[in-house]
């Protein structure tokens, strides 16, 4: 396995993962290996891309849930954007209110000074 792992990668090919190297060694060294299945990895020769009916049914069940989750996420993002805009507007209103209070206090001080 070390020889295959340390071997130079031919141009145009990607570096193989440890699992792929183990799978290749097991294919050549052992006729009926169950190692990958035992450790939770499925050999690619058994997994040719064809989904079982149970997997297909499960995917069909999950697709509407995924769509609902995506819609919920979109709605939440829109709500967060609205809240952000409201917070910004509220901050501007507070700033204007403080400015007006300062102007009013200044005017009151001017009129109060003249009335004396």
C-alpha atoms as a PDB file:
ATOM      1  CA  UNK A   1       0.000   0.000   0.000  1.00  0.00           C
ATOM      2  CA  UNK A   2       2.852   2.396   0.798  1.00  0.00           C
ATOM      3  CA  UNK A   3       4.261   1.838  -2.683  1.00  0.00           C
ATOM      4  CA  UNK A   4       0.952   2.840  -4.263  1.00  0.00           C
ATOM      5  CA  UNK A   5       0.551   5.790  -1.915  1.00  0.00           C
ATOM      6  CA  UNK A   6       4.068   7.105  -2.585  1.00  0.00           C
ATOM      7  CA  UNK A   7       3.958   6.395  -6.330  1.00  0.00           C
ATOM      8  CA  UNK A   8       4.003   9.501  -8.565  1.00  0.00           C
ATOM      9  CA  UNK A   9       0.610  10.584  -9.855  1.00  0.00           C
ATOM     10  CA  UNK A  10       0.349  10.398 -13.660  1.00  0.00           C
ATOM     11  CA  UNK A  11      -0.271  13.739 -15.320  1.00  0.00           C
ATOM     12  CA  UNK A  12      -3.964  14.586 -15.608  1.00  0.00           C
ATOM     13  CA  UNK A  13      -5.014  12.289 -12.764  1.00  0.00           C
ATOM     14  CA  UNK A  14      -5.916  13.240  -9.217  1.00  0.00           C
ATOM     15  CA  UNK A  15      -4.183  11.978  -6.094  1.00  0.00           C
ATOM     16  CA  UNK A  16      -6.029   8.932  -4.767  1.00  0.00           C
ATOM     17  CA  UNK A  17      -7.440   8.917  -1.266  1.00  0.00           C
ATOM     18  CA  UNK A  18      -6.311   6.353   1.297  1.00  0.00           C
ATOM     19  CA  UNK A  19      -9.669   4.562   0.967  1.00  0.00           C
ATOM     20  CA  UNK A  20      -9.240   4.290  -2.814  1.00  0.00           C
ATOM     21  CA  UNK A  21      -5.728   2.887  -2.396  1.00  0.00           C
ATOM     22  CA  UNK A  22      -6.960   0.338   0.164  1.00  0.00           C
ATOM     23  CA  UNK A  23      -9.781  -0.633  -2.190  1.00  0.00           C
ATOM     24  CA  UNK A  24      -7.356  -1.188  -5.074  1.00  0.00           C
ATOM     25  CA  UNK A  25      -5.038  -3.298  -2.929  1.00  0.00           C
ATOM     26  CA  UNK A  26      -7.936  -5.369  -1.640  1.00  0.00           C
ATOM     27  CA  UNK A  27      -9.228  -5.923  -5.173  1.00  0.00           C
ATOM     28  CA  UNK A  28      -5.880  -7.253  -6.321  1.00  0.00           C
ATOM     29  CA  UNK A  29      -4.822  -9.074  -3.150  1.00  0.00           C
ATOM     30  CA  UNK A  30      -8.105 -10.511  -1.876  1.00  0.00           C
ATOM     31  CA  UNK A  31     -10.810 -11.943  -4.105  1.00  0.00           C
ATOM     32  CA  UNK A  32     -13.852 -11.340  -1.836  1.00  0.00           C
ATOM     33  CA  UNK A  33     -13.013  -8.547   0.549  1.00  0.00           C
ATOM     34  CA  UNK A  34     -15.540  -7.363   3.099  1.00  0.00           C
ATOM     35  CA  UNK A  35     -13.170  -4.893   4.730  1.00  0.00           C
ATOM     36  CA  UNK A  36     -14.667  -1.737   3.214  1.00  0.00           C
ATOM     37  CA  UNK A  37     -18.189  -2.847   4.041  1.00  0.00           C
ATOM     38  CA  UNK A  38     -17.166  -3.646   7.595  1.00  0.00           C
ATOM     39  CA  UNK A  39     -15.689  -0.184   8.169  1.00  0.00           C
ATOM     40  CA  UNK A  40     -18.688   1.589   6.679  1.00  0.00           C
ATOM     41  CA  UNK A  41     -17.289   2.228   3.205  1.00  0.00           C
ATOM     42  CA  UNK A  42     -18.866   0.643   0.184  1.00  0.00           C
ATOM     43  CA  UNK A  43     -16.663  -0.643  -2.603  1.00  0.00           C
ATOM     44  CA  UNK A  44     -17.289   1.119  -5.907  1.00  0.00           C
ATOM     45  CA  UNK A  45     -17.727  -2.211  -7.675  1.00  0.00           C
ATOM     46  CA  UNK A  46     -20.863  -2.807  -5.591  1.00  0.00           C
ATOM     47  CA  UNK A  47     -22.021   0.778  -5.847  1.00  0.00           C
ATOM     48  CA  UNK A  48     -22.316   1.419  -9.556  1.00  0.00           C
ATOM     49  CA  UNK A  49     -24.481   4.500  -9.128  1.00  0.00           C
ATOM     50  CA  UNK A  50     -27.784   2.646  -9.249  1.00  0.00           C
ATOM     51  CA  UNK A  51     -30.043   3.624  -6.391  1.00  0.00           C
ATOM     52  CA  UNK A  52     -32.172   0.991  -4.766  1.00  0.00           C
ATOM     53  CA  UNK A  53     -35.938   1.543  -4.717  1.00  0.00           C
ATOM     54  CA  UNK A  54     -35.772   2.232  -0.979  1.00  0.00           C
ATOM     55  CA  UNK A  55     -33.143   4.919  -1.489  1.00  0.00           C
ATOM     56  CA  UNK A  56     -35.138   6.445  -4.350  1.00  0.00           C
ATOM     57  CA  UNK A  57     -38.276   6.515  -2.195  1.00  0.00           C
ATOM     58  CA  UNK A  58     -36.346   8.074   0.680  1.00  0.00           C
ATOM     59  CA  UNK A  59     -34.951  10.763  -1.609  1.00  0.00           C
ATOM     60  CA  UNK A  60     -38.470  11.482  -2.894  1.00  0.00           C
ATOM     61  CA  UNK A  61     -39.661  11.862   0.715  1.00  0.00           C
ATOM     62  CA  UNK A  62     -36.799  14.207   1.586  1.00  0.00           C
ATOM     63  CA  UNK A  63     -37.093  16.488  -1.452  1.00  0.00           C
ATOM     64  CA  UNK A  64     -40.273  18.291  -0.254  1.00  0.00           C
ATOM     65  CA  UNK A  65     -38.711  18.707   3.199  1.00  0.00           C
ATOM     66  CA  UNK A  66     -35.639  20.244   1.604  1.00  0.00           C
ATOM     67  CA  UNK A  67     -37.787  22.614  -0.449  1.00  0.00           C
ATOM     68  CA  UNK A  68     -39.709  23.653   2.690  1.00  0.00           C
ATOM     69  CA  UNK A  69     -36.461  24.203   4.562  1.00  0.00           C
ATOM     70  CA  UNK A  70     -35.096  26.326   1.727  1.00  0.00           C
ATOM     71  CA  UNK A  71     -38.293  28.406   1.652  1.00  0.00           C
ATOM     72  CA  UNK A  72     -38.181  28.837   5.430  1.00  0.00           C
ATOM     73  CA  UNK A  73     -34.568  29.959   5.222  1.00  0.00           C
ATOM     74  CA  UNK A  74     -35.464  32.454   2.498  1.00  0.00           C
ATOM     75  CA  UNK A  75     -38.353  33.841   4.554  1.00  0.00           C
ATOM     76  CA  UNK A  76     -36.123  34.128   7.618  1.00  0.00           C
ATOM     77  CA  UNK A  77     -33.474  35.992   5.610  1.00  0.00           C
ATOM     78  CA  UNK A  78     -36.104  38.407   4.308  1.00  0.00           C
ATOM     79  CA  UNK A  79     -37.411  38.961   7.835  1.00  0.00           C
ATOM     80  CA  UNK A  80     -33.901  39.586   9.123  1.00  0.00           C
ATOM     81  CA  UNK A  81     -33.341  42.112   6.332  1.00  0.00           C
ATOM     82  CA  UNK A  82     -36.606  43.884   7.238  1.00  0.00           C
ATOM     83  CA  UNK A  83     -35.619  43.946  10.910  1.00  0.00           C
ATOM     84  CA  UNK A  84     -32.229  45.345   9.978  1.00  0.00           C
ATOM     85  CA  UNK A  85     -33.875  48.089   7.935  1.00  0.00           C
ATOM     86  CA  UNK A  86     -36.255  48.865  10.834  1.00  0.00           C
ATOM     87  CA  UNK A  87     -33.341  49.020  13.277  1.00  0.00           C
ATOM     88  CA  UNK A  88     -31.492  51.400  10.973  1.00  0.00           C
ATOM     89  CA  UNK A  89     -34.578  53.596  10.586  1.00  0.00           C
ATOM     90  CA  UNK A  90     -35.128  53.598  14.345  1.00  0.00           C
ATOM     91  CA  UNK A  91     -31.535  54.672  14.882  1.00  0.00           C
ATOM     92  CA  UNK A  92     -31.977  57.561  12.447  1.00  0.00           C
ATOM     93  CA  UNK A  93     -35.210  58.618  14.196  1.00  0.00           C
ATOM     94  CA  UNK A  94     -33.463  58.578  17.575  1.00  0.00           C
ATOM     95  CA  UNK A  95     -30.631  60.678  16.193  1.00  0.00           C
ATOM     96  CA  UNK A  96     -33.082  63.238  14.740  1.00  0.00           C
ATOM     97  CA  UNK A  97     -35.009  63.319  18.000  1.00  0.00           C
ATOM     98  CA  UNK A  98     -31.834  64.038  19.974  1.00  0.00           C
ATOM     99  CA  UNK A  99     -30.887  66.790  17.528  1.00  0.00           C
ATOM    100  CA  UNK A 100     -34.341  68.375  17.889  1.00  0.00           C
ATOM    101  CA  UNK A 101     -34.166  68.148  21.682  1.00  0.00           C
ATOM    102  CA  UNK A 102     -30.796  69.889  21.591  1.00  0.00           C
ATOM    103  CA  UNK A 103     -32.181  72.642  19.320  1.00  0.00           C
ATOM    104  CA  UNK A 104     -35.211  73.088  21.592  1.00  0.00           C
ATOM    105  CA  UNK A 105     -32.994  73.302  24.683  1.00  0.00           C
ATOM    106  CA  UNK A 106     -30.839  75.869  22.902  1.00  0.00           C
ATOM    107  CA  UNK A 107     -33.894  77.953  21.899  1.00  0.00           C
ATOM    108  CA  UNK A 108     -35.318  77.742  25.415  1.00  0.00           C
ATOM    109  CA  UNK A 109     -31.991  78.909  26.814  1.00  0.00           C
ATOM    110  CA  UNK A 110     -31.961  81.843  24.352  1.00  0.00           C
ATOM    111  CA  UNK A 111     -35.518  82.916  25.198  1.00  0.00           C
ATOM    112  CA  UNK A 112     -34.972  82.336  28.866  1.00  0.00           C
ATOM    113  CA  UNK A 113     -31.879  84.536  28.787  1.00  0.00           C
ATOM    114  CA  UNK A 114     -33.758  87.364  26.975  1.00  0.00           C
ATOM    115  CA  UNK A 115     -36.769  87.172  29.330  1.00  0.00           C
ATOM    116  CA  UNK A 116     -34.561  87.882  32.338  1.00  0.00           C
END
